[in-house]
Protein backbone atom coordinates (compact mmCIF):
# COMPACT_ATOMS: atom_id res chain seq x y z
CA MET A 1 99.06 107.72 60.60
CA THR A 2 101.08 105.85 63.23
CA VAL A 3 102.44 107.79 66.19
CA ARG A 4 105.72 106.39 67.50
CA LEU A 5 106.99 106.81 71.04
CA ARG A 6 110.74 106.24 71.30
CA VAL A 7 111.74 104.98 74.73
CA VAL A 8 115.34 105.48 75.82
CA LEU A 9 116.69 102.32 77.47
CA ASP A 10 120.23 103.25 78.43
CA GLN A 11 119.92 101.21 81.63
CA LEU A 12 119.53 98.02 79.62
CA VAL A 13 122.78 98.71 77.77
CA ALA A 14 124.91 100.04 80.63
CA PRO A 15 123.00 99.74 83.92
CA THR A 16 124.09 101.98 86.75
CA ARG A 17 121.56 100.64 89.29
CA SER A 18 119.48 97.48 89.16
CA ASP A 19 116.32 99.34 90.19
CA LEU A 20 116.63 101.70 87.22
CA GLU A 21 117.24 98.78 84.89
CA THR A 22 114.12 97.01 86.15
CA ALA A 23 112.06 100.19 86.01
CA SER A 24 113.15 100.90 82.44
CA ARG A 25 112.37 97.37 81.27
CA SER A 26 109.03 97.26 83.09
CA LEU A 27 107.90 100.65 81.85
CA ALA A 28 108.86 99.90 78.24
CA ALA A 29 106.84 96.68 78.26
CA ALA A 30 103.88 98.43 79.89
CA LEU A 31 104.00 101.27 77.36
CA ALA A 32 103.76 98.72 74.55
CA GLU A 33 100.88 96.95 76.28
CA THR A 34 98.90 100.13 76.93
CA ALA A 35 99.67 101.91 73.64
CA PRO A 36 96.57 103.76 72.36
CA ALA A 37 95.19 102.88 68.94
CA GLY A 38 97.49 104.16 66.20
CA CYS A 39 100.52 104.33 68.50
CA GLU A 40 103.59 102.13 68.75
CA VAL A 41 106.74 101.97 70.84
CA GLU A 42 110.36 101.81 69.70
CA ALA A 43 113.29 101.19 72.03
CA ILE A 44 116.41 103.31 71.56
CA ALA A 45 119.68 103.66 73.43
CA PRO A 46 122.67 106.01 73.23
CA SER A 47 125.06 103.15 72.50
CA GLY A 48 125.42 99.40 72.62
CA GLU A 49 123.16 96.54 71.64
CA LEU A 50 119.74 96.47 73.26
CA PRO A 51 118.32 93.19 74.54
CA SER A 52 114.83 92.18 73.45
CA ILE A 53 111.85 93.78 75.19
CA ASP A 54 108.47 92.11 74.98
CA GLY A 55 105.51 94.12 73.73
CA VAL A 56 103.09 92.24 75.95
CA ALA A 57 99.75 93.08 74.38
CA GLU A 58 100.91 92.53 70.82
CA GLY A 59 102.89 89.39 71.66
CA ARG A 60 105.85 90.75 69.73
CA ARG A 61 109.23 92.33 70.32
CA LEU A 62 109.59 96.07 70.48
CA PRO A 63 111.48 97.47 67.49
CA LEU A 64 115.06 98.20 68.50
CA ALA A 65 117.39 100.86 67.23
CA ARG A 66 121.05 101.65 67.96
CA ARG A 67 122.00 105.31 68.13
CA GLU A 68 124.91 107.62 68.86
CA THR A 69 127.29 107.34 71.78
CA ALA A 70 126.23 108.49 75.23
CA ALA A 71 128.85 111.26 75.09
CA ALA A 72 127.29 112.63 71.92
CA TRP A 73 123.86 112.82 73.52
CA GLN A 74 125.25 114.53 76.60
CA LEU A 75 126.88 117.14 74.38
CA GLY A 76 123.69 117.68 72.40
CA VAL A 77 125.00 116.00 69.23
CA VAL A 78 122.04 114.06 67.87
CA THR A 79 121.64 112.58 64.40
CA GLY A 80 119.45 109.75 63.26
CA VAL A 81 116.99 109.81 66.17
CA GLY A 82 114.44 111.47 63.93
CA GLY A 83 112.51 113.61 66.40
CA GLY A 84 108.97 112.74 67.34
CA MET A 85 108.04 111.71 70.87
CA ILE A 86 110.94 110.62 73.07
CA HIS A 87 110.50 109.31 76.59
CA SER A 88 113.35 108.44 78.95
CA PRO A 89 112.94 106.59 82.28
CA THR A 90 116.18 108.34 83.35
CA LEU A 91 117.90 111.67 82.67
CA MET A 92 119.72 110.16 79.68
CA ALA A 93 118.07 111.49 76.53
CA PRO A 94 118.94 113.41 73.35
CA LEU A 95 118.21 116.77 74.95
CA VAL A 96 118.52 119.36 72.18
CA ARG A 97 116.55 122.32 70.91
CA HIS A 98 113.40 121.24 69.08
CA ASP A 99 110.05 122.59 67.98
CA ARG A 100 107.19 120.93 69.80
CA VAL A 101 104.52 123.26 68.45
CA HIS A 102 105.26 123.02 64.71
CA ASP A 103 107.21 119.74 64.33
CA HIS A 104 105.46 117.90 67.19
CA ASP A 105 108.82 116.85 68.62
CA GLN A 106 108.88 116.34 72.37
CA THR A 107 111.29 114.95 74.94
CA VAL A 108 110.40 113.82 78.46
CA VAL A 109 112.94 112.63 81.05
CA THR A 110 112.73 111.14 84.55
CA LEU A 111 114.50 111.84 87.83
CA TRP A 112 114.17 109.16 90.53
CA ASP A 113 116.16 110.78 93.33
CA LEU A 114 117.90 113.97 94.38
CA ARG A 115 121.03 112.34 95.76
CA ALA A 116 123.37 114.43 93.58
CA TRP A 117 122.01 117.52 95.34
CA GLU A 118 121.06 116.28 98.82
CA ALA A 119 123.96 113.89 99.44
CA PRO A 120 126.72 114.50 96.86
CA GLU A 121 129.36 113.15 99.26
CA GLU A 122 127.82 109.69 98.91
CA LEU A 123 128.40 109.52 95.16
CA PRO A 124 131.44 109.53 92.90
CA ARG A 125 132.25 113.06 91.80
CA ALA A 126 131.76 112.12 88.15
CA SER A 127 128.21 110.87 88.86
CA VAL A 128 127.31 114.08 90.68
CA MET A 129 128.63 116.21 87.85
CA TRP A 130 126.79 114.12 85.25
CA GLU A 131 123.41 114.27 86.99
CA ARG A 132 123.64 117.99 87.63
CA ALA A 133 124.70 118.65 84.03
CA MET A 134 121.86 116.55 82.64
CA LEU A 135 119.32 118.31 84.83
CA ARG A 136 120.58 121.64 83.50
CA ARG A 137 120.05 120.33 79.95
CA ALA A 138 116.58 119.16 80.95
CA VAL A 139 115.76 122.64 82.24
CA ARG A 140 116.75 124.05 78.84
CA TYR A 141 115.27 121.47 76.49
CA ALA A 142 112.91 118.95 78.13
CA ASP A 143 109.20 119.41 77.55
CA ALA A 144 108.47 117.66 80.83
CA LEU A 145 110.40 116.08 83.68
CA ILE A 146 108.85 113.25 85.66
CA VAL A 147 109.49 112.59 89.35
CA PRO A 148 107.87 109.75 91.33
CA THR A 149 106.39 111.75 94.22
CA HIS A 150 104.87 115.15 94.88
CA ALA A 151 107.36 115.50 97.75
CA MET A 152 110.23 115.24 95.30
CA ALA A 153 108.54 117.70 92.97
CA GLU A 154 108.50 120.25 95.78
CA ARG A 155 112.12 119.57 96.70
CA LEU A 156 113.19 119.84 93.08
CA GLU A 157 112.00 123.44 92.95
CA THR A 158 115.01 124.47 95.05
CA HIS A 159 117.41 123.01 92.47
CA ALA A 160 115.82 123.69 89.08
CA ARG A 161 113.27 126.04 87.57
CA LEU A 162 110.95 123.80 85.65
CA GLY A 163 107.61 125.26 86.67
CA GLU A 164 104.62 123.38 85.32
CA ARG A 165 106.84 121.05 83.31
CA VAL A 166 107.29 118.82 86.37
CA ARG A 167 104.90 115.84 86.36
CA VAL A 168 104.45 113.19 89.04
CA ILE A 169 104.23 109.52 88.06
CA ALA A 170 105.00 106.94 90.73
CA GLY A 171 107.16 103.90 90.24
CA ALA A 172 106.12 100.38 91.15
CA GLN A 173 107.36 97.00 92.27
CA PRO A 174 108.40 94.61 89.49
CA ASP A 175 105.45 92.88 87.85
CA GLY A 176 104.75 89.57 89.54
CA PHE A 177 107.15 90.37 92.36
CA ALA A 178 106.93 87.50 94.86
CA ALA A 179 109.13 85.15 96.81
CA PRO A 180 110.44 82.44 94.46
CA THR A 181 109.60 78.79 95.00
CA ASP A 182 113.16 78.15 96.14
CA ALA A 183 113.12 81.03 98.63
CA ALA A 184 114.20 78.89 101.59
CA ALA A 185 117.16 77.52 99.65
CA ARG A 186 118.15 81.01 98.57
CA ARG A 187 118.11 82.22 102.16
CA ARG A 188 120.31 79.29 103.18
CA ASP A 189 122.74 80.07 100.38
CA LEU A 190 122.83 83.71 101.49
CA GLY A 191 123.61 82.63 105.04
CA LEU A 192 120.65 84.48 106.55
CA PRO A 193 119.74 83.93 110.22
CA PRO A 194 116.45 82.18 111.13
CA ALA A 195 114.82 85.38 112.40
CA TYR A 196 115.72 88.88 111.31
CA LEU A 197 114.70 92.41 110.42
CA VAL A 198 115.61 93.96 107.09
CA LEU A 199 117.14 97.42 107.08
CA ALA A 200 117.08 99.28 103.78
CA GLY A 201 120.50 100.79 103.22
CA GLY A 202 119.15 103.70 101.23
CA ILE A 203 121.10 105.72 98.69
CA GLY A 204 124.29 105.81 100.75
CA ALA A 205 125.53 103.57 103.54
CA SER A 206 125.11 106.40 106.06
CA ASP A 207 121.55 107.23 105.02
CA GLY A 208 119.66 106.73 108.29
CA LEU A 209 121.31 103.41 109.12
CA ALA A 210 122.40 104.50 112.60
CA ALA A 211 118.79 105.24 113.56
CA GLY A 212 117.72 101.89 112.16
CA PHE A 213 120.40 100.04 114.13
CA ARG A 214 119.42 101.82 117.36
CA ALA A 215 115.78 100.89 116.83
CA ALA A 216 116.60 97.23 116.16
CA ALA A 217 119.15 96.76 118.94
CA PRO A 218 116.68 96.07 121.81
CA SER A 219 114.86 93.38 119.82
CA ALA A 220 115.83 89.71 119.72
CA PHE A 221 116.24 89.83 115.95
CA ASP A 222 119.36 90.02 113.84
CA VAL A 223 119.48 92.69 111.12
CA VAL A 224 119.99 92.05 107.41
CA VAL A 225 121.09 95.22 105.61
CA VAL A 226 120.36 95.47 101.89
CA ASP A 227 121.28 98.05 99.24
CA VAL A 228 124.68 98.82 100.73
CA PRO A 229 127.18 99.78 98.02
CA GLU A 230 129.82 97.13 97.49
CA GLY A 231 132.97 97.82 99.46
CA GLU A 232 131.15 99.53 102.34
CA GLU A 233 130.24 96.38 104.28
CA ALA A 234 132.90 96.86 106.96
CA GLY A 235 131.83 100.44 107.50
CA VAL A 236 128.24 99.33 108.01
CA SER A 237 129.27 96.80 110.64
CA ALA A 238 131.31 99.45 112.43
CA LEU A 239 128.36 101.83 112.33
CA ALA A 240 126.13 99.14 113.84
CA GLU A 241 128.50 98.61 116.78
CA ALA A 242 128.75 102.36 117.34
CA SER A 243 124.93 102.44 117.41
CA GLY A 244 124.66 99.74 120.06
CA LEU A 245 124.09 96.69 117.83
CA ALA A 246 126.72 93.95 118.06
CA ALA A 247 128.48 93.29 114.77
CA HIS A 248 127.67 89.54 114.88
CA ARG A 249 123.97 90.45 114.63
CA VAL A 250 124.50 92.39 111.40
CA HIS A 251 124.41 90.68 108.01
CA VAL A 252 125.21 92.93 105.04
CA ARG A 253 124.07 91.66 101.65
CA SER A 254 124.96 93.71 98.57
CA GLY A 255 123.91 93.27 94.97
CA LEU A 256 120.95 90.92 95.53
CA ASP A 257 119.13 89.93 92.37
CA ARG A 258 115.35 90.04 92.17
CA GLY A 259 114.81 86.50 93.45
CA ASP A 260 117.26 86.79 96.35
CA ARG A 261 115.84 90.17 97.31
CA ALA A 262 112.28 88.86 97.36
CA ALA A 263 113.30 85.78 99.35
CA THR A 264 115.13 87.97 101.87
CA ILE A 265 112.43 90.58 102.41
CA GLU A 266 109.50 88.13 102.39
CA ALA A 267 110.82 86.22 105.43
CA ALA A 268 111.72 89.32 107.46
CA ALA A 269 109.75 90.12 110.59
CA ALA A 270 109.65 93.72 109.39
CA LEU A 271 111.46 96.15 107.11
CA ILE A 272 112.87 99.32 108.61
CA ALA A 273 113.13 102.24 106.18
CA PRO A 274 115.25 104.96 107.83
CA SER A 275 116.00 107.17 104.83
CA THR A 276 114.81 110.77 104.70
CA ARG A 277 116.29 111.45 101.25
CA GLY A 278 114.27 112.72 98.31
CA ALA A 279 114.21 109.38 96.51
CA TRP A 280 111.72 106.76 95.40
CA PRO A 281 111.67 104.10 98.19
CA TRP A 282 112.14 100.92 96.13
CA ARG A 283 112.51 98.55 99.10
CA VAL A 284 109.41 99.93 100.80
CA LEU A 285 107.37 99.02 97.73
CA ASP A 286 109.00 95.58 97.68
CA ALA A 287 108.11 94.96 101.32
CA MET A 288 104.50 96.11 101.01
CA ALA A 289 103.99 93.95 97.93
CA LEU A 290 105.32 90.92 99.83
CA GLY A 291 103.25 91.64 102.92
CA THR A 292 106.26 92.41 105.11
CA PRO A 293 105.43 95.02 107.78
CA VAL A 294 107.05 98.39 107.07
CA VAL A 295 108.33 100.77 109.75
CA ALA A 296 109.55 104.02 108.19
CA ILE A 297 111.07 107.19 109.56
CA ASP A 298 108.78 110.15 109.01
CA SER A 299 109.58 112.02 105.81
CA ASP A 300 107.54 113.71 103.11
CA VAL A 301 108.31 110.83 100.73
CA HIS A 302 107.33 108.09 103.20
CA ARG A 303 104.13 109.85 104.20
CA GLU A 304 103.12 110.01 100.56
CA VAL A 305 104.11 106.49 99.53
CA VAL A 306 103.45 104.39 102.64
CA LEU A 307 100.27 106.20 103.69
CA ASP A 308 98.33 103.57 105.67
CA GLY A 309 100.39 100.64 104.39
CA GLY A 310 102.84 100.73 107.29
CA ILE A 311 103.99 102.70 110.33
CA VAL A 312 105.54 106.13 109.71
CA VAL A 313 107.03 107.74 112.82
CA PRO A 314 109.59 110.38 113.80
CA GLU A 315 113.08 109.04 114.48
CA ALA A 316 112.52 109.32 118.23
CA GLY A 317 109.60 106.88 117.98
CA LEU A 318 111.27 104.36 115.69
CA GLU A 319 112.25 101.90 118.43
CA ASP A 320 108.73 101.75 119.87
CA ALA A 321 107.28 101.37 116.37
CA VAL A 322 109.52 98.36 115.73
CA VAL A 323 108.36 96.82 119.01
CA ASP A 324 104.73 97.39 117.99
CA ALA A 325 105.30 95.79 114.59
CA LEU A 326 106.90 92.74 116.22
CA SER A 327 104.46 92.41 119.13
CA ASP A 328 102.18 89.96 117.35
CA ARG A 329 103.01 88.38 114.02
CA SER A 330 99.75 86.41 113.71
CA LEU A 331 97.05 87.43 111.23
CA THR A 332 94.97 88.84 114.09
CA GLY A 333 97.78 90.94 115.50
CA ASP A 334 99.21 94.29 114.48
CA ALA A 335 101.86 92.81 112.22
CA GLY A 336 99.17 90.68 110.58
CA ARG A 337 97.05 93.77 110.00
CA MET A 338 100.09 95.59 108.66
CA ARG A 339 100.75 92.78 106.19
CA VAL A 340 97.24 93.09 104.78
CA LEU A 341 97.36 96.89 104.68
CA GLY A 342 100.78 96.84 103.03
CA ARG A 343 99.63 94.51 100.27
CA ASP A 344 96.53 96.65 99.73
CA ARG A 345 98.64 99.81 99.51
CA SER A 346 101.10 98.24 97.07
CA ARG A 347 98.25 97.66 94.60
CA ALA A 348 98.03 101.42 94.13
CA PHE A 349 101.32 101.23 92.21
CA SER A 350 101.73 99.42 88.90
CA TRP A 351 103.77 99.84 85.75
CA ALA A 352 100.59 99.59 83.67
CA GLY A 353 99.18 102.58 85.55
CA ALA A 354 102.46 104.45 85.18
CA ALA A 355 102.49 103.75 81.43
CA GLU A 356 98.96 105.06 80.99
CA ARG A 357 99.98 108.28 82.70
CA VAL A 358 103.08 108.56 80.50
CA TRP A 359 100.90 108.29 77.41
CA GLN A 360 98.67 111.01 78.87
CA VAL A 361 101.66 113.30 79.51
CA HIS A 362 102.72 113.02 75.87
CA ALA A 363 99.13 113.53 74.70
CA ASP A 364 98.87 116.69 76.81
CA LEU A 365 102.11 118.00 75.33
């Protein structure tokens, strides 16, 4: 008898964030590659036509299926999905009453950040309402809810009563993530300065950026800010000036694709991660994988993810930490040591490892 795991890939049909799209695609491929004997993976989505997803180990395409509209799923109207094991890399899933014990139906969803609860002012009202409503449905109907860190699992307890249904499975950098062969040309096309720091914009443009600007201001480096929502570039420049960093030293780059992002972060003297939000730190993983020194503000998430792969300090020590990271960029200096430690730490995270843990979650259920 073949056991089928249906993976919800709404982010491939209507992506809301590029990181979620990449995570969904990467996890689906890894689930196919690591499928136990007698198991197979099928891709489903609430609406739209799904692109092809490679089943790496089998050298074939994952079976694709088109289902009901997203609105129907959100209202609990589900027909044609057929039950069984359903796994969603986001909160989007056909969350309805089902019988896991007798029919062996099970639904598992994923929550990557708590922005709708910790920083609702930084999101459109409709997005906040949607995420909160879907979490309420998950509390009622999900057999498990996955978050990427233990820190987030603890924070989630203040917003939802899920008890032992919360599982922790970390995310990862994209498979094969590296600076492209045309990295120098990409940086020229992006108009990047010859020497710079990268500042991760976080979930919202105000998420720790002021602290990052203050820490970078005394250095001789310009600052390239990534992950800033489109339309907020002018506000970021104004925030930099208010924080003591001249606007001409700030370069805001929104909507970078994978290649441009890798080219940008790989050449940075260091990446400053100032966010304290309950969210998976995508850019921190990128930087560690590329060997770019990471300086992060102390938070429960950064302590758990960065560990010894970078410098984690309280906000008051951020400026000194940046100086330390920049003091010697040779392989024998601190930045050189940080590059090696960052790469080593990044190897603890992989989509293959995440997929194996997903299979185990469903087996335990």
